[in-house]
C-alpha atoms as a PDB file:
ATOM      1  CA  MET A   1      44.269 -63.191  52.174  1.00  0.00           C
ATOM      2  CA  THR A   2      47.749 -62.091  51.122  1.00  0.00           C
ATOM      3  CA  GLN A   3      50.226 -61.428  53.910  1.00  0.00           C
ATOM      4  CA  VAL A   4      52.210 -58.261  53.268  1.00  0.00           C
ATOM      5  CA  THR A   5      55.042 -56.534  55.101  1.00  0.00           C
ATOM      6  CA  ILE A   6      55.740 -52.862  54.496  1.00  0.00           C
ATOM      7  CA  ILE A   7      59.036 -51.342  55.560  1.00  0.00           C
ATOM      8  CA  HIS A   8      57.599 -47.987  56.435  1.00  0.00           C
ATOM      9  CA  ASN A   9      58.402 -44.453  57.518  1.00  0.00           C
ATOM     10  CA  PRO A  10      55.198 -42.695  58.621  1.00  0.00           C
ATOM     11  CA  ARG A  11      56.800 -39.297  57.944  1.00  0.00           C
ATOM     12  CA  CYS A  12      57.326 -40.136  54.246  1.00  0.00           C
ATOM     13  CA  SER A  13      54.447 -39.264  51.903  1.00  0.00           C
ATOM     14  CA  LYS A  14      55.238 -42.107  49.449  1.00  0.00           C
ATOM     15  CA  SER A  15      55.345 -44.545  52.339  1.00  0.00           C
ATOM     16  CA  ARG A  16      51.979 -43.327  53.643  1.00  0.00           C
ATOM     17  CA  GLN A  17      50.488 -43.503  50.119  1.00  0.00           C
ATOM     18  CA  THR A  18      51.761 -47.046  49.666  1.00  0.00           C
ATOM     19  CA  LEU A  19      50.344 -48.133  53.022  1.00  0.00           C
ATOM     20  CA  ALA A  20      46.958 -46.607  52.104  1.00  0.00           C
ATOM     21  CA  LEU A  21      47.045 -48.446  48.762  1.00  0.00           C
ATOM     22  CA  LEU A  22      47.754 -51.737  50.558  1.00  0.00           C
ATOM     23  CA  GLN A  23      44.892 -51.087  52.975  1.00  0.00           C
ATOM     24  CA  GLU A  24      42.547 -50.914  49.962  1.00  0.00           C
ATOM     25  CA  GLN A  25      43.623 -54.440  48.939  1.00  0.00           C
ATOM     26  CA  ASP A  26      42.642 -57.732  50.544  1.00  0.00           C
ATOM     27  CA  CYS A  27      45.867 -57.963  52.565  1.00  0.00           C
ATOM     28  CA  GLU A  28      46.985 -58.705  56.073  1.00  0.00           C
ATOM     29  CA  ILE A  29      49.563 -55.974  56.644  1.00  0.00           C
ATOM     30  CA  GLN A  30      52.539 -56.026  58.981  1.00  0.00           C
ATOM     31  CA  VAL A  31      54.084 -52.574  59.355  1.00  0.00           C
ATOM     32  CA  VAL A  32      57.806 -52.367  60.151  1.00  0.00           C
ATOM     33  CA  GLU A  33      58.882 -48.867  61.129  1.00  0.00           C
ATOM     34  CA  TYR A  34      62.527 -49.301  60.242  1.00  0.00           C
ATOM     35  CA  LEU A  35      63.652 -46.105  61.956  1.00  0.00           C
ATOM     36  CA  LYS A  36      62.353 -47.504  65.281  1.00  0.00           C
ATOM     37  CA  SER A  37      63.351 -51.124  64.558  1.00  0.00           C
ATOM     38  CA  PRO A  38      66.333 -50.959  62.194  1.00  0.00           C
ATOM     39  CA  LEU A  39      66.952 -53.836  59.802  1.00  0.00           C
ATOM     40  CA  VAL A  40      69.932 -56.099  60.368  1.00  0.00           C
ATOM     41  CA  ARG A  41      72.507 -57.030  57.755  1.00  0.00           C
ATOM     42  CA  SER A  42      70.835 -60.312  56.771  1.00  0.00           C
ATOM     43  CA  GLU A  43      67.476 -58.574  56.247  1.00  0.00           C
ATOM     44  CA  ILE A  44      69.065 -55.979  53.966  1.00  0.00           C
ATOM     45  CA  GLU A  45      70.884 -58.706  52.031  1.00  0.00           C
ATOM     46  CA  GLY A  46      67.566 -60.535  51.624  1.00  0.00           C
ATOM     47  CA  LEU A  47      65.912 -57.377  50.293  1.00  0.00           C
ATOM     48  CA  LEU A  48      68.675 -56.945  47.728  1.00  0.00           C
ATOM     49  CA  VAL A  49      68.106 -60.490  46.453  1.00  0.00           C
ATOM     50  CA  LYS A  50      64.309 -60.134  46.296  1.00  0.00           C
ATOM     51  CA  LEU A  51      64.501 -56.716  44.650  1.00  0.00           C
ATOM     52  CA  ASN A  52      67.340 -57.812  42.345  1.00  0.00           C
ATOM     53  CA  ILE A  53      69.061 -54.446  42.692  1.00  0.00           C
ATOM     54  CA  SER A  54      72.434 -53.144  43.836  1.00  0.00           C
ATOM     55  CA  VAL A  55      72.911 -51.837  47.342  1.00  0.00           C
ATOM     56  CA  ARG A  56      73.295 -48.289  45.980  1.00  0.00           C
ATOM     57  CA  GLU A  57      69.847 -48.586  44.387  1.00  0.00           C
ATOM     58  CA  LEU A  58      68.521 -49.377  47.865  1.00  0.00           C
ATOM     59  CA  MET A  59      70.070 -46.218  49.314  1.00  0.00           C
ATOM     60  CA  ARG A  60      68.737 -42.691  49.531  1.00  0.00           C
ATOM     61  CA  THR A  61      71.730 -41.044  47.874  1.00  0.00           C
ATOM     62  CA  LYS A  62      70.394 -37.506  48.345  1.00  0.00           C
ATOM     63  CA  GLU A  63      70.377 -37.745  52.148  1.00  0.00           C
ATOM     64  CA  THR A  64      72.908 -35.541  53.940  1.00  0.00           C
ATOM     65  CA  GLU A  65      74.255 -38.627  55.746  1.00  0.00           C
ATOM     66  CA  TYR A  66      75.115 -40.251  52.404  1.00  0.00           C
ATOM     67  CA  LYS A  67      77.320 -37.322  51.472  1.00  0.00           C
ATOM     68  CA  GLU A  68      78.731 -36.831  54.992  1.00  0.00           C
ATOM     69  CA  GLN A  69      79.779 -40.484  55.217  1.00  0.00           C
ATOM     70  CA  GLY A  70      81.460 -40.388  51.793  1.00  0.00           C
ATOM     71  CA  LEU A  71      79.226 -43.204  50.520  1.00  0.00           C
ATOM     72  CA  ALA A  72      79.464 -42.062  46.900  1.00  0.00           C
ATOM     73  CA  ASN A  73      83.024 -43.437  46.910  1.00  0.00           C
ATOM     74  CA  GLU A  74      83.053 -46.149  44.220  1.00  0.00           C
ATOM     75  CA  ASP A  75      85.755 -48.068  46.111  1.00  0.00           C
ATOM     76  CA  LEU A  76      83.348 -48.982  48.916  1.00  0.00           C
ATOM     77  CA  THR A  77      82.281 -52.626  48.941  1.00  0.00           C
ATOM     78  CA  GLN A  78      78.733 -53.914  49.088  1.00  0.00           C
ATOM     79  CA  ALA A  79      79.414 -55.015  52.672  1.00  0.00           C
ATOM     80  CA  GLN A  80      80.509 -51.491  53.627  1.00  0.00           C
ATOM     81  CA  LEU A  81      77.425 -49.943  52.043  1.00  0.00           C
ATOM     82  CA  ILE A  82      75.125 -52.442  53.761  1.00  0.00           C
ATOM     83  CA  GLN A  83      76.840 -51.653  57.072  1.00  0.00           C
ATOM     84  CA  ALA A  84      76.163 -47.947  56.455  1.00  0.00           C
ATOM     85  CA  ILE A  85      72.438 -48.724  56.115  1.00  0.00           C
ATOM     86  CA  VAL A  86      72.538 -50.832  59.292  1.00  0.00           C
ATOM     87  CA  GLU A  87      74.192 -47.965  61.193  1.00  0.00           C
ATOM     88  CA  THR A  88      72.135 -45.181  59.545  1.00  0.00           C
ATOM     89  CA  PRO A  89      68.666 -46.601  58.765  1.00  0.00           C
ATOM     90  CA  LYS A  90      67.581 -43.267  57.272  1.00  0.00           C
ATOM     91  CA  LEU A  91      69.682 -44.218  54.213  1.00  0.00           C
ATOM     92  CA  LEU A  92      67.281 -47.047  53.313  1.00  0.00           C
ATOM     93  CA  GLU A  93      64.975 -46.350  50.371  1.00  0.00           C
ATOM     94  CA  ARG A  94      61.326 -46.565  51.314  1.00  0.00           C
ATOM     95  CA  PRO A  95      58.763 -47.881  51.310  1.00  0.00           C
ATOM     96  CA  ILE A  96      59.558 -51.508  50.543  1.00  0.00           C
ATOM     97  CA  VAL A  97      56.767 -54.043  50.374  1.00  0.00           C
ATOM     98  CA  LEU A  98      57.264 -57.800  50.703  1.00  0.00           C
ATOM     99  CA  ALA A  99      54.595 -60.258  49.583  1.00  0.00           C
ATOM    100  CA  ASN A 100      54.501 -63.706  47.997  1.00  0.00           C
ATOM    101  CA  ASP A 101      58.283 -64.121  48.482  1.00  0.00           C
ATOM    102  CA  LYS A 102      58.867 -61.007  46.348  1.00  0.00           C
ATOM    103  CA  ALA A 103      59.645 -57.368  47.080  1.00  0.00           C
ATOM    104  CA  ALA A 104      58.973 -54.000  45.463  1.00  0.00           C
ATOM    105  CA  ILE A 105      59.865 -50.407  46.227  1.00  0.00           C
ATOM    106  CA  GLY A 106      56.782 -48.190  46.400  1.00  0.00           C
ATOM    107  CA  ARG A 107      58.076 -45.396  44.196  1.00  0.00           C
ATOM    108  CA  PRO A 108      55.551 -44.839  42.779  1.00  0.00           C
ATOM    109  CA  PRO A 109      53.207 -46.589  45.237  1.00  0.00           C
ATOM    110  CA  GLU A 110      51.512 -48.536  42.431  1.00  0.00           C
ATOM    111  CA  ASN A 111      54.751 -50.493  41.892  1.00  0.00           C
ATOM    112  CA  VAL A 112      53.807 -52.746  44.803  1.00  0.00           C
ATOM    113  CA  LEU A 113      50.600 -53.992  43.183  1.00  0.00           C
ATOM    114  CA  ALA A 114      52.664 -56.198  40.857  1.00  0.00           C
ATOM    115  CA  ILE A 115      53.726 -58.493  43.733  1.00  0.00           C
ATOM    116  CA  LEU A 116      50.336 -58.906  45.427  1.00  0.00           C
END
């Protein structure tokens, strides 16, 4: 049985759809509600490596907080952007599924099937 972790927001429809899709698979699922238990810097850095994306690709750039905090500024470093996610977890793209030492963003939810 595949062990899977989903970084989840139960209020997000894509996150709920991805969780339902995982429940249909033969998986042991650990749910991490990142708004209740925010990720730390090292966890975010690990996600970036596994996803092989930039920190901006991991951010919800349409959130009000992104604009309010001036995060579109191209002069900001990766460390500063990661710190913004640590301090404002709502900025983290979701859902993210980890399985088999890989990660995938569930947008669309079927994206996660590739790592199971």
